[in-house]
PDB file of all heavy atoms in Angstrom:
ATOM      1  N   ARG A   1      22.120 -51.885   6.814  1.00  0.00           N
ATOM      2  CA  ARG A   1      21.082 -51.621   7.615  1.00  0.00           C
ATOM      3  C   ARG A   1      20.994 -52.708   8.768  1.00  0.00           C
ATOM      4  O   ARG A   1      20.656 -52.192  10.006  1.00  0.00           O
ATOM      5  CB  ARG A   1      19.754 -51.595   6.842  1.00  0.00           C
ATOM      6  CG  ARG A   1      18.535 -51.082   7.677  1.00  0.00           C
ATOM      7  CD  ARG A   1      17.205 -51.119   6.858  1.00  0.00           C
ATOM      8  NE  ARG A   1      16.101 -50.653   7.571  1.00  0.00           N
ATOM      9  CZ  ARG A   1      15.761 -49.385   7.456  1.00  0.00           C
ATOM     10  NH1 ARG A   1      16.370 -48.506   6.724  1.00  0.00           N
ATOM     11  NH2 ARG A   1      14.750 -48.931   8.203  1.00  0.00           N
ATOM     12  N   SER A   2      21.244 -53.993   8.510  1.00  0.00           N
ATOM     13  CA  SER A   2      21.094 -55.014   9.533  1.00  0.00           C
ATOM     14  C   SER A   2      22.238 -54.828  10.540  1.00  0.00           C
ATOM     15  O   SER A   2      21.969 -54.876  11.639  1.00  0.00           O
ATOM     16  CB  SER A   2      21.224 -56.310   8.871  1.00  0.00           C
ATOM     17  OG  SER A   2      21.260 -57.366   9.762  1.00  0.00           O
ATOM     18  N   VAL A   3      23.520 -54.559  10.023  1.00  0.00           N
ATOM     19  CA  VAL A   3      24.546 -54.513  11.055  1.00  0.00           C
ATOM     20  C   VAL A   3      24.432 -53.267  11.931  1.00  0.00           C
ATOM     21  O   VAL A   3      24.755 -53.287  13.093  1.00  0.00           O
ATOM     22  CB  VAL A   3      25.886 -54.513  10.285  1.00  0.00           C
ATOM     23  CG1 VAL A   3      26.202 -53.310   9.528  1.00  0.00           C
ATOM     24  CG2 VAL A   3      27.062 -54.713  11.317  1.00  0.00           C
ATOM     25  N   MET A   4      23.903 -52.207  11.229  1.00  0.00           N
ATOM     26  CA  MET A   4      23.799 -50.918  12.105  1.00  0.00           C
ATOM     27  C   MET A   4      22.651 -51.073  13.120  1.00  0.00           C
ATOM     28  O   MET A   4      22.766 -50.697  14.294  1.00  0.00           O
ATOM     29  CB  MET A   4      23.287 -49.749  11.208  1.00  0.00           C
ATOM     30  CG  MET A   4      23.235 -48.374  11.914  1.00  0.00           C
ATOM     31  SD  MET A   4      23.040 -47.079  10.750  1.00  0.00           S
ATOM     32  CE  MET A   4      24.495 -46.881   9.954  1.00  0.00           C
ATOM     33  N   ALA A   5      21.648 -51.861  12.861  1.00  0.00           N
ATOM     34  CA  ALA A   5      20.449 -52.109  13.746  1.00  0.00           C
ATOM     35  C   ALA A   5      21.057 -52.945  14.894  1.00  0.00           C
ATOM     36  O   ALA A   5      20.683 -52.620  16.116  1.00  0.00           O
ATOM     37  CB  ALA A   5      19.339 -52.877  13.024  1.00  0.00           C
ATOM     38  N   ASP A   6      21.854 -54.014  14.617  1.00  0.00           N
ATOM     39  CA  ASP A   6      22.505 -54.823  15.667  1.00  0.00           C
ATOM     40  C   ASP A   6      23.410 -54.038  16.604  1.00  0.00           C
ATOM     41  O   ASP A   6      23.312 -54.145  17.714  1.00  0.00           O
ATOM     42  CB  ASP A   6      23.245 -55.995  14.948  1.00  0.00           C
ATOM     43  CG  ASP A   6      22.342 -56.883  14.254  1.00  0.00           C
ATOM     44  OD1 ASP A   6      21.087 -56.908  14.463  1.00  0.00           O
ATOM     45  OD2 ASP A   6      22.777 -57.693  13.377  1.00  0.00           O
ATOM     46  N   VAL A   7      24.253 -53.254  16.010  1.00  0.00           N
ATOM     47  CA  VAL A   7      25.296 -52.554  16.850  1.00  0.00           C
ATOM     48  C   VAL A   7      24.543 -51.467  17.789  1.00  0.00           C
ATOM     49  O   VAL A   7      24.875 -51.284  18.910  1.00  0.00           O
ATOM     50  CB  VAL A   7      26.413 -52.001  16.122  1.00  0.00           C
ATOM     51  CG1 VAL A   7      25.888 -50.825  15.197  1.00  0.00           C
ATOM     52  CG2 VAL A   7      27.535 -51.555  17.037  1.00  0.00           C
ATOM     53  N   LEU A   8      23.518 -50.843  17.140  1.00  0.00           N
ATOM     54  CA  LEU A   8      22.760 -49.857  18.013  1.00  0.00           C
ATOM     55  C   LEU A   8      21.920 -50.512  19.060  1.00  0.00           C
ATOM     56  O   LEU A   8      21.888 -50.023  20.262  1.00  0.00           O
ATOM     57  CB  LEU A   8      21.744 -49.075  17.107  1.00  0.00           C
ATOM     58  CG  LEU A   8      22.466 -48.023  16.061  1.00  0.00           C
ATOM     59  CD1 LEU A   8      21.342 -47.468  15.224  1.00  0.00           C
ATOM     60  CD2 LEU A   8      23.244 -47.022  16.815  1.00  0.00           C
ATOM     61  N   ASP A   9      21.452 -51.691  18.761  1.00  0.00           N
ATOM     62  CA  ASP A   9      20.771 -52.513  19.857  1.00  0.00           C
ATOM     63  C   ASP A   9      21.700 -52.808  20.979  1.00  0.00           C
ATOM     64  O   ASP A   9      21.432 -52.766  22.170  1.00  0.00           O
ATOM     65  CB  ASP A   9      20.093 -53.720  19.343  1.00  0.00           C
ATOM     66  CG  ASP A   9      18.775 -53.417  18.676  1.00  0.00           C
ATOM     67  OD1 ASP A   9      18.426 -52.368  18.478  1.00  0.00           O
ATOM     68  OD2 ASP A   9      18.015 -54.371  18.495  1.00  0.00           O
ATOM     69  N   LEU A  10      22.931 -53.356  20.529  1.00  0.00           N
ATOM     70  CA  LEU A  10      23.914 -53.784  21.522  1.00  0.00           C
ATOM     71  C   LEU A  10      24.325 -52.591  22.455  1.00  0.00           C
ATOM     72  O   LEU A  10      24.480 -52.707  23.663  1.00  0.00           O
ATOM     73  CB  LEU A  10      25.202 -54.315  20.903  1.00  0.00           C
ATOM     74  CG  LEU A  10      24.877 -55.697  20.224  1.00  0.00           C
ATOM     75  CD1 LEU A  10      26.012 -56.164  19.384  1.00  0.00           C
ATOM     76  CD2 LEU A  10      24.728 -56.841  21.396  1.00  0.00           C
ATOM     77  N   GLN A  11      24.524 -51.394  21.814  1.00  0.00           N
ATOM     78  CA  GLN A  11      25.019 -50.275  22.637  1.00  0.00           C
ATOM     79  C   GLN A  11      23.882 -49.723  23.525  1.00  0.00           C
ATOM     80  O   GLN A  11      24.209 -49.335  24.637  1.00  0.00           O
ATOM     81  CB  GLN A  11      25.444 -49.188  21.713  1.00  0.00           C
ATOM     82  CG  GLN A  11      26.706 -49.401  21.020  1.00  0.00           C
ATOM     83  CD  GLN A  11      27.168 -48.301  20.091  1.00  0.00           C
ATOM     84  OE1 GLN A  11      26.275 -47.635  19.494  1.00  0.00           O
ATOM     85  NE2 GLN A  11      28.458 -48.114  20.012  1.00  0.00           N
ATOM     86  N   TRP A  12      22.660 -49.642  23.022  1.00  0.00           N
ATOM     87  CA  TRP A  12      21.650 -48.938  23.750  1.00  0.00           C
ATOM     88  C   TRP A  12      20.661 -49.863  24.554  1.00  0.00           C
ATOM     89  O   TRP A  12      20.015 -49.432  25.462  1.00  0.00           O
ATOM     90  CB  TRP A  12      20.848 -48.015  22.843  1.00  0.00           C
ATOM     91  CG  TRP A  12      21.665 -46.958  22.289  1.00  0.00           C
ATOM     92  CD1 TRP A  12      22.445 -47.020  21.194  1.00  0.00           C
ATOM     93  CD2 TRP A  12      21.702 -45.631  22.739  1.00  0.00           C
ATOM     94  NE1 TRP A  12      23.072 -45.763  20.995  1.00  0.00           N
ATOM     95  CE2 TRP A  12      22.640 -44.930  21.936  1.00  0.00           C
ATOM     96  CE3 TRP A  12      21.281 -44.929  23.908  1.00  0.00           C
ATOM     97  CZ2 TRP A  12      23.024 -43.655  22.193  1.00  0.00           C
ATOM     98  CZ3 TRP A  12      21.577 -43.627  24.151  1.00  0.00           C
ATOM     99  CH2 TRP A  12      22.501 -42.956  23.166  1.00  0.00           C
ATOM    100  N   ARG A  13      20.599 -51.187  24.154  1.00  0.00           N
ATOM    101  CA  ARG A  13      19.625 -52.075  24.729  1.00  0.00           C
ATOM    102  C   ARG A  13      20.128 -53.165  25.421  1.00  0.00           C
ATOM    103  O   ARG A  13      19.548 -53.776  26.358  1.00  0.00           O
ATOM    104  CB  ARG A  13      18.535 -52.484  23.681  1.00  0.00           C
ATOM    105  CG  ARG A  13      17.721 -51.449  23.042  1.00  0.00           C
ATOM    106  CD  ARG A  13      17.108 -51.838  21.712  1.00  0.00           C
ATOM    107  NE  ARG A  13      16.469 -53.150  21.700  1.00  0.00           N
ATOM    108  CZ  ARG A  13      15.233 -53.403  22.008  1.00  0.00           C
ATOM    109  NH1 ARG A  13      14.538 -52.471  22.527  1.00  0.00           N
ATOM    110  NH2 ARG A  13      14.759 -54.653  21.953  1.00  0.00           N
ATOM    111  N   LEU A  14      21.357 -53.610  25.047  1.00  0.00           N
ATOM    112  CA  LEU A  14      22.079 -54.862  25.571  1.00  0.00           C
ATOM    113  C   LEU A  14      23.454 -54.381  26.132  1.00  0.00           C
ATOM    114  O   LEU A  14      24.515 -54.990  25.625  1.00  0.00           O
ATOM    115  CB  LEU A  14      22.086 -55.906  24.601  1.00  0.00           C
ATOM    116  CG  LEU A  14      20.805 -56.391  23.920  1.00  0.00           C
ATOM    117  CD1 LEU A  14      21.028 -57.213  22.635  1.00  0.00           C
ATOM    118  CD2 LEU A  14      20.121 -57.305  24.927  1.00  0.00           C
ATOM    119  N   PRO A  15      23.548 -53.396  26.950  1.00  0.00           N
ATOM    120  CA  PRO A  15      24.895 -52.982  27.332  1.00  0.00           C
ATOM    121  C   PRO A  15      25.735 -53.983  28.036  1.00  0.00           C
ATOM    122  O   PRO A  15      26.999 -53.955  27.890  1.00  0.00           O
ATOM    123  CB  PRO A  15      24.467 -51.785  28.348  1.00  0.00           C
ATOM    124  CG  PRO A  15      23.187 -52.028  28.837  1.00  0.00           C
ATOM    125  CD  PRO A  15      22.444 -52.704  27.700  1.00  0.00           C
ATOM    126  N   ARG A  16      25.252 -54.961  28.803  1.00  0.00           N
ATOM    127  CA  ARG A  16      25.994 -55.932  29.473  1.00  0.00           C
ATOM    128  C   ARG A  16      26.639 -56.868  28.320  1.00  0.00           C
ATOM    129  O   ARG A  16      27.867 -57.197  28.472  1.00  0.00           O
ATOM    130  CB  ARG A  16      25.242 -56.789  30.486  1.00  0.00           C
ATOM    131  CG  ARG A  16      24.673 -55.923  31.552  1.00  0.00           C
ATOM    132  CD  ARG A  16      23.855 -56.778  32.526  1.00  0.00           C
ATOM    133  NE  ARG A  16      23.078 -56.040  33.467  1.00  0.00           N
ATOM    134  CZ  ARG A  16      22.324 -56.634  34.421  1.00  0.00           C
ATOM    135  NH1 ARG A  16      22.113 -57.908  34.476  1.00  0.00           N
ATOM    136  NH2 ARG A  16      21.615 -55.796  35.263  1.00  0.00           N
ATOM    137  N   THR A  17      25.896 -57.180  27.465  1.00  0.00           N
ATOM    138  CA  THR A  17      26.388 -58.131  26.382  1.00  0.00           C
ATOM    139  C   THR A  17      27.378 -57.347  25.560  1.00  0.00           C
ATOM    140  O   THR A  17      28.465 -57.846  25.044  1.00  0.00           O
ATOM    141  CB  THR A  17      25.254 -58.558  25.501  1.00  0.00           C
ATOM    142  OG1 THR A  17      24.241 -59.192  26.389  1.00  0.00           O
ATOM    143  CG2 THR A  17      25.674 -59.496  24.401  1.00  0.00           C
ATOM    144  N   TRP A  18      27.162 -56.031  25.270  1.00  0.00           N
ATOM    145  CA  TRP A  18      28.104 -55.251  24.441  1.00  0.00           C
ATOM    146  C   TRP A  18      29.426 -55.081  25.213  1.00  0.00           C
ATOM    147  O   TRP A  18      30.412 -55.133  24.496  1.00  0.00           O
ATOM    148  CB  TRP A  18      27.449 -53.901  24.297  1.00  0.00           C
ATOM    149  CG  TRP A  18      28.269 -52.802  23.571  1.00  0.00           C
ATOM    150  CD1 TRP A  18      28.653 -51.556  23.899  1.00  0.00           C
ATOM    151  CD2 TRP A  18      28.806 -52.992  22.214  1.00  0.00           C
ATOM    152  NE1 TRP A  18      29.447 -51.061  22.983  1.00  0.00           N
ATOM    153  CE2 TRP A  18      29.489 -51.841  21.914  1.00  0.00           C
ATOM    154  CE3 TRP A  18      28.692 -54.002  21.238  1.00  0.00           C
ATOM    155  CZ2 TRP A  18      30.156 -51.573  20.705  1.00  0.00           C
ATOM    156  CZ3 TRP A  18      29.441 -53.866  20.051  1.00  0.00           C
ATOM    157  CH2 TRP A  18      30.163 -52.641  19.751  1.00  0.00           C
ATOM    158  N   ALA A  19      29.338 -55.024  26.528  1.00  0.00           N
ATOM    159  CA  ALA A  19      30.685 -55.006  27.328  1.00  0.00           C
ATOM    160  C   ALA A  19      31.401 -56.233  27.062  1.00  0.00           C
ATOM    161  O   ALA A  19      32.760 -56.190  26.959  1.00  0.00           O
ATOM    162  CB  ALA A  19      30.337 -54.786  28.818  1.00  0.00           C
ATOM    163  N   VAL A  20      30.829 -57.390  26.988  1.00  0.00           N
ATOM    164  CA  VAL A  20      31.578 -58.629  26.716  1.00  0.00           C
ATOM    165  C   VAL A  20      32.189 -58.557  25.293  1.00  0.00           C
ATOM    166  O   VAL A  20      33.229 -58.988  25.090  1.00  0.00           O
ATOM    167  CB  VAL A  20      30.573 -59.884  26.857  1.00  0.00           C
ATOM    168  CG1 VAL A  20      31.398 -61.200  26.593  1.00  0.00           C
ATOM    169  CG2 VAL A  20      30.072 -59.868  28.345  1.00  0.00           C
ATOM    170  N   VAL A  21      31.332 -58.114  24.355  1.00  0.00           N
ATOM    171  CA  VAL A  21      31.884 -57.935  22.969  1.00  0.00           C
ATOM    172  C   VAL A  21      33.046 -56.978  22.933  1.00  0.00           C
ATOM    173  O   VAL A  21      34.141 -57.324  22.294  1.00  0.00           O
ATOM    174  CB  VAL A  21      30.682 -57.351  22.065  1.00  0.00           C
ATOM    175  CG1 VAL A  21      31.341 -57.090  20.648  1.00  0.00           C
ATOM    176  CG2 VAL A  21      29.568 -58.299  21.969  1.00  0.00           C
ATOM    177  N   LEU A  22      33.003 -55.844  23.578  1.00  0.00           N
ATOM    178  CA  LEU A  22      34.131 -54.976  23.686  1.00  0.00           C
ATOM    179  C   LEU A  22      35.369 -55.497  24.258  1.00  0.00           C
ATOM    180  O   LEU A  22      36.543 -55.267  23.909  1.00  0.00           O
ATOM    181  CB  LEU A  22      33.801 -53.695  24.324  1.00  0.00           C
ATOM    182  CG  LEU A  22      32.711 -52.754  23.630  1.00  0.00           C
ATOM    183  CD1 LEU A  22      32.402 -51.598  24.516  1.00  0.00           C
ATOM    184  CD2 LEU A  22      33.199 -52.296  22.261  1.00  0.00           C
ATOM    185  N   GLY A  23      35.242 -56.421  25.243  1.00  0.00           N
ATOM    186  CA  GLY A  23      36.292 -57.054  25.851  1.00  0.00           C
ATOM    187  C   GLY A  23      36.825 -58.256  25.095  1.00  0.00           C
ATOM    188  O   GLY A  23      37.746 -59.055  25.622  1.00  0.00           O
ATOM    189  N   LEU A  24      36.323 -58.548  23.871  1.00  0.00           N
ATOM    190  CA  LEU A  24      36.721 -59.613  23.078  1.00  0.00           C
ATOM    191  C   LEU A  24      36.468 -60.904  23.622  1.00  0.00           C
ATOM    192  O   LEU A  24      37.138 -61.913  23.370  1.00  0.00           O
ATOM    193  CB  LEU A  24      38.239 -59.500  22.667  1.00  0.00           C
ATOM    194  CG  LEU A  24      38.734 -58.078  22.050  1.00  0.00           C
ATOM    195  CD1 LEU A  24      40.109 -58.099  21.678  1.00  0.00           C
ATOM    196  CD2 LEU A  24      37.802 -57.619  20.898  1.00  0.00           C
ATOM    197  N   GLY A  25      35.511 -61.004  24.601  1.00  0.00           N
ATOM    198  CA  GLY A  25      35.190 -62.275  25.281  1.00  0.00           C
ATOM    199  C   GLY A  25      34.210 -63.116  24.540  1.00  0.00           C
ATOM    200  O   GLY A  25      33.912 -64.270  25.022  1.00  0.00           O
ATOM    201  N   CYS A  26      33.703 -62.742  23.396  1.00  0.00           N
ATOM    202  CA  CYS A  26      32.681 -63.619  22.758  1.00  0.00           C
ATOM    203  C   CYS A  26      32.701 -63.229  21.209  1.00  0.00           C
ATOM    204  O   CYS A  26      33.416 -62.297  20.720  1.00  0.00           O
ATOM    205  CB  CYS A  26      31.349 -63.353  23.231  1.00  0.00           C
ATOM    206  SG  CYS A  26      30.599 -61.715  22.779  1.00  0.00           S
ATOM    207  N   GLU A  27      32.124 -64.072  20.428  1.00  0.00           N
ATOM    208  CA  GLU A  27      32.009 -63.809  18.895  1.00  0.00           C
ATOM    209  C   GLU A  27      31.104 -62.652  18.619  1.00  0.00           C
ATOM    210  O   GLU A  27      29.932 -62.749  19.077  1.00  0.00           O
ATOM    211  CB  GLU A  27      31.582 -65.049  18.251  1.00  0.00           C
ATOM    212  CG  GLU A  27      32.607 -66.276  18.355  1.00  0.00           C
ATOM    213  CD  GLU A  27      33.829 -65.983  17.522  1.00  0.00           C
ATOM    214  OE1 GLU A  27      33.845 -65.026  16.652  1.00  0.00           O
ATOM    215  OE2 GLU A  27      34.980 -66.620  17.812  1.00  0.00           O
ATOM    216  N   PRO A  28      31.456 -61.571  18.020  1.00  0.00           N
ATOM    217  CA  PRO A  28      30.586 -60.571  17.671  1.00  0.00           C
ATOM    218  C   PRO A  28      29.325 -60.982  16.989  1.00  0.00           C
ATOM    219  O   PRO A  28      28.216 -60.353  17.129  1.00  0.00           O
ATOM    220  CB  PRO A  28      31.368 -59.507  16.861  1.00  0.00           C
ATOM    221  CG  PRO A  28      32.851 -59.862  17.383  1.00  0.00           C
ATOM    222  CD  PRO A  28      32.808 -61.307  17.586  1.00  0.00           C
ATOM    223  N   TRP A  29      29.421 -61.965  16.015  1.00  0.00           N
ATOM    224  CA  TRP A  29      28.310 -62.339  15.262  1.00  0.00           C
ATOM    225  C   TRP A  29      27.157 -63.008  16.128  1.00  0.00           C
ATOM    226  O   TRP A  29      26.052 -62.859  15.932  1.00  0.00           O
ATOM    227  CB  TRP A  29      28.763 -63.392  14.131  1.00  0.00           C
ATOM    228  CG  TRP A  29      29.157 -64.735  14.631  1.00  0.00           C
ATOM    229  CD1 TRP A  29      30.454 -65.163  14.833  1.00  0.00           C
ATOM    230  CD2 TRP A  29      28.244 -65.871  15.065  1.00  0.00           C
ATOM    231  NE1 TRP A  29      30.406 -66.396  15.328  1.00  0.00           N
ATOM    232  CE2 TRP A  29      29.138 -66.996  15.410  1.00  0.00           C
ATOM    233  CE3 TRP A  29      26.872 -65.984  15.099  1.00  0.00           C
ATOM    234  CZ2 TRP A  29      28.639 -68.127  15.849  1.00  0.00           C
ATOM    235  CZ3 TRP A  29      26.457 -67.246  15.504  1.00  0.00           C
ATOM    236  CH2 TRP A  29      27.245 -68.268  15.844  1.00  0.00           C
ATOM    237  N   LEU A  30      27.687 -63.619  17.168  1.00  0.00           N
ATOM    238  CA  LEU A  30      26.667 -64.255  18.111  1.00  0.00           C
ATOM    239  C   LEU A  30      25.939 -63.134  18.868  1.00  0.00           C
ATOM    240  O   LEU A  30      24.633 -63.270  19.114  1.00  0.00           O
ATOM    241  CB  LEU A  30      27.426 -65.174  19.086  1.00  0.00           C
ATOM    242  CG  LEU A  30      26.609 -65.972  20.094  1.00  0.00           C
ATOM    243  CD1 LEU A  30      25.606 -66.760  19.305  1.00  0.00           C
ATOM    244  CD2 LEU A  30      27.508 -66.822  21.000  1.00  0.00           C
ATOM    245  N   ALA A  31      26.673 -62.089  19.308  1.00  0.00           N
ATOM    246  CA  ALA A  31      25.916 -61.018  19.980  1.00  0.00           C
ATOM    247  C   ALA A  31      24.958 -60.381  19.111  1.00  0.00           C
ATOM    248  O   ALA A  31      23.887 -59.893  19.535  1.00  0.00           O
ATOM    249  CB  ALA A  31      27.025 -60.004  20.538  1.00  0.00           C
ATOM    250  N   ARG A  32      25.360 -60.225  17.790  1.00  0.00           N
ATOM    251  CA  ARG A  32      24.445 -59.660  16.810  1.00  0.00           C
ATOM    252  C   ARG A  32      23.145 -60.477  16.624  1.00  0.00           C
ATOM    253  O   ARG A  32      22.050 -59.983  16.542  1.00  0.00           O
ATOM    254  CB  ARG A  32      25.074 -59.546  15.404  1.00  0.00           C
ATOM    255  CG  ARG A  32      26.101 -58.465  15.324  1.00  0.00           C
ATOM    256  CD  ARG A  32      26.678 -58.260  13.978  1.00  0.00           C
ATOM    257  NE  ARG A  32      25.488 -57.979  12.986  1.00  0.00           N
ATOM    258  CZ  ARG A  32      25.515 -58.089  11.740  1.00  0.00           C
ATOM    259  NH1 ARG A  32      26.761 -58.421  11.140  1.00  0.00           N
ATOM    260  NH2 ARG A  32      24.370 -57.816  10.972  1.00  0.00           N
ATOM    261  N   ARG A  33      23.314 -61.815  16.709  1.00  0.00           N
ATOM    262  CA  ARG A  33      22.116 -62.760  16.641  1.00  0.00           C
ATOM    263  C   ARG A  33      21.149 -62.432  17.772  1.00  0.00           C
ATOM    264  O   ARG A  33      19.958 -62.379  17.652  1.00  0.00           O
ATOM    265  CB  ARG A  33      22.581 -64.181  16.618  1.00  0.00           C
ATOM    266  CG  ARG A  33      23.154 -64.631  15.266  1.00  0.00           C
ATOM    267  CD  ARG A  33      22.046 -64.798  14.257  1.00  0.00           C
ATOM    268  NE  ARG A  33      21.044 -65.763  14.791  1.00  0.00           N
ATOM    269  CZ  ARG A  33      21.126 -67.079  14.648  1.00  0.00           C
ATOM    270  NH1 ARG A  33      22.192 -67.669  14.204  1.00  0.00           N
ATOM    271  NH2 ARG A  33      20.133 -67.861  15.025  1.00  0.00           N
ATOM    272  N   VAL A  34      21.760 -62.220  18.977  1.00  0.00           N
ATOM    273  CA  VAL A  34      20.958 -62.016  20.164  1.00  0.00           C
ATOM    274  C   VAL A  34      20.235 -60.673  20.002  1.00  0.00           C
ATOM    275  O   VAL A  34      19.019 -60.486  20.370  1.00  0.00           O
ATOM    276  CB  VAL A  34      21.816 -61.996  21.437  1.00  0.00           C
ATOM    277  CG1 VAL A  34      21.087 -61.496  22.614  1.00  0.00           C
ATOM    278  CG2 VAL A  34      22.433 -63.337  21.681  1.00  0.00           C
ATOM    279  N   ALA A  35      20.925 -59.725  19.412  1.00  0.00           N
ATOM    280  CA  ALA A  35      20.201 -58.361  19.218  1.00  0.00           C
ATOM    281  C   ALA A  35      19.040 -58.498  18.262  1.00  0.00           C
ATOM    282  O   ALA A  35      18.006 -57.947  18.494  1.00  0.00           O
ATOM    283  CB  ALA A  35      21.286 -57.352  18.707  1.00  0.00           C
ATOM    284  N   SER A  36      19.292 -59.198  17.274  1.00  0.00           N
ATOM    285  CA  SER A  36      18.233 -59.446  16.292  1.00  0.00           C
ATOM    286  C   SER A  36      16.967 -60.184  16.889  1.00  0.00           C
ATOM    287  O   SER A  36      15.903 -59.848  16.716  1.00  0.00           O
ATOM    288  CB  SER A  36      18.764 -60.227  14.994  1.00  0.00           C
ATOM    289  OG  SER A  36      17.713 -60.480  14.144  1.00  0.00           O
ATOM    290  N   LEU A  37      17.387 -61.225  17.698  1.00  0.00           N
ATOM    291  CA  LEU A  37      16.222 -62.045  18.376  1.00  0.00           C
ATOM    292  C   LEU A  37      15.350 -61.217  19.203  1.00  0.00           C
ATOM    293  O   LEU A  37      14.286 -61.382  19.377  1.00  0.00           O
ATOM    294  CB  LEU A  37      16.852 -63.149  19.141  1.00  0.00           C
ATOM    295  CG  LEU A  37      17.314 -64.391  18.305  1.00  0.00           C
ATOM    296  CD1 LEU A  37      18.123 -65.357  19.297  1.00  0.00           C
ATOM    297  CD2 LEU A  37      16.065 -65.072  17.758  1.00  0.00           C
ATOM    298  N   SER A  38      16.001 -60.197  19.918  1.00  0.00           N
ATOM    299  CA  SER A  38      15.334 -59.508  21.030  1.00  0.00           C
ATOM    300  C   SER A  38      14.807 -58.048  20.473  1.00  0.00           C
ATOM    301  O   SER A  38      14.356 -57.309  21.308  1.00  0.00           O
ATOM    302  CB  SER A  38      16.222 -59.223  22.130  1.00  0.00           C
ATOM    303  OG  SER A  38      17.378 -58.591  21.778  1.00  0.00           O
ATOM    304  N   ARG A  39      14.906 -57.853  19.187  1.00  0.00           N
ATOM    305  CA  ARG A  39      14.649 -56.425  18.678  1.00  0.00           C
ATOM    306  C   ARG A  39      13.119 -55.987  18.975  1.00  0.00           C
ATOM    307  O   ARG A  39      12.903 -54.893  19.131  1.00  0.00           O
ATOM    308  CB  ARG A  39      14.942 -56.398  17.231  1.00  0.00           C
ATOM    309  CG  ARG A  39      14.672 -54.976  16.688  1.00  0.00           C
ATOM    310  CD  ARG A  39      15.521 -54.747  15.423  1.00  0.00           C
ATOM    311  NE  ARG A  39      16.937 -54.876  15.862  1.00  0.00           N
ATOM    312  CZ  ARG A  39      17.887 -55.574  15.160  1.00  0.00           C
ATOM    313  NH1 ARG A  39      17.572 -56.157  14.039  1.00  0.00           N
ATOM    314  NH2 ARG A  39      19.137 -55.633  15.543  1.00  0.00           N
ATOM    315  N   ARG A  40      12.254 -56.977  18.931  1.00  0.00           N
ATOM    316  CA  ARG A  40      10.789 -56.623  19.161  1.00  0.00           C
ATOM    317  C   ARG A  40      10.414 -56.314  20.543  1.00  0.00           C
ATOM    318  O   ARG A  40       9.332 -55.794  20.780  1.00  0.00           O
ATOM    319  CB  ARG A  40       9.891 -57.720  18.694  1.00  0.00           C
ATOM    320  CG  ARG A  40      10.053 -57.944  17.187  1.00  0.00           C
ATOM    321  CD  ARG A  40       8.935 -58.888  16.664  1.00  0.00           C
ATOM    322  NE  ARG A  40       9.035 -59.273  15.277  1.00  0.00           N
ATOM    323  CZ  ARG A  40       8.119 -59.898  14.622  1.00  0.00           C
ATOM    324  NH1 ARG A  40       6.983 -60.305  15.221  1.00  0.00           N
ATOM    325  NH2 ARG A  40       8.256 -60.075  13.286  1.00  0.00           N
ATOM    326  N   LEU A  41      11.318 -56.692  21.475  1.00  0.00           N
ATOM    327  CA  LEU A  41      10.942 -56.501  22.895  1.00  0.00           C
ATOM    328  C   LEU A  41      11.135 -54.900  23.226  1.00  0.00           C
ATOM    329  O   LEU A  41      11.875 -54.128  22.556  1.00  0.00           O
ATOM    330  CB  LEU A  41      11.924 -57.163  23.836  1.00  0.00           C
ATOM    331  CG  LEU A  41      11.936 -58.752  23.688  1.00  0.00           C
ATOM    332  CD1 LEU A  41      12.879 -59.382  24.659  1.00  0.00           C
ATOM    333  CD2 LEU A  41      10.485 -59.227  24.181  1.00  0.00           C
ATOM    334  N   GLY A  42      10.458 -54.524  24.238  1.00  0.00           N
ATOM    335  CA  GLY A  42      10.396 -53.194  24.723  1.00  0.00           C
ATOM    336  C   GLY A  42      11.776 -52.921  25.471  1.00  0.00           C
ATOM    337  O   GLY A  42      12.523 -53.837  25.723  1.00  0.00           O
TER     338      GLY A  42
END
């Protein structure tokens, strides 16, 4: 449930960060942490 929430957030709410992830330019776990930190935001 946690990993699904993170990847959905990255795809639909953090598209610029997700683009860096897809380009292998950063650690995926770090992008997931950002998704979790920002989940409560509109």
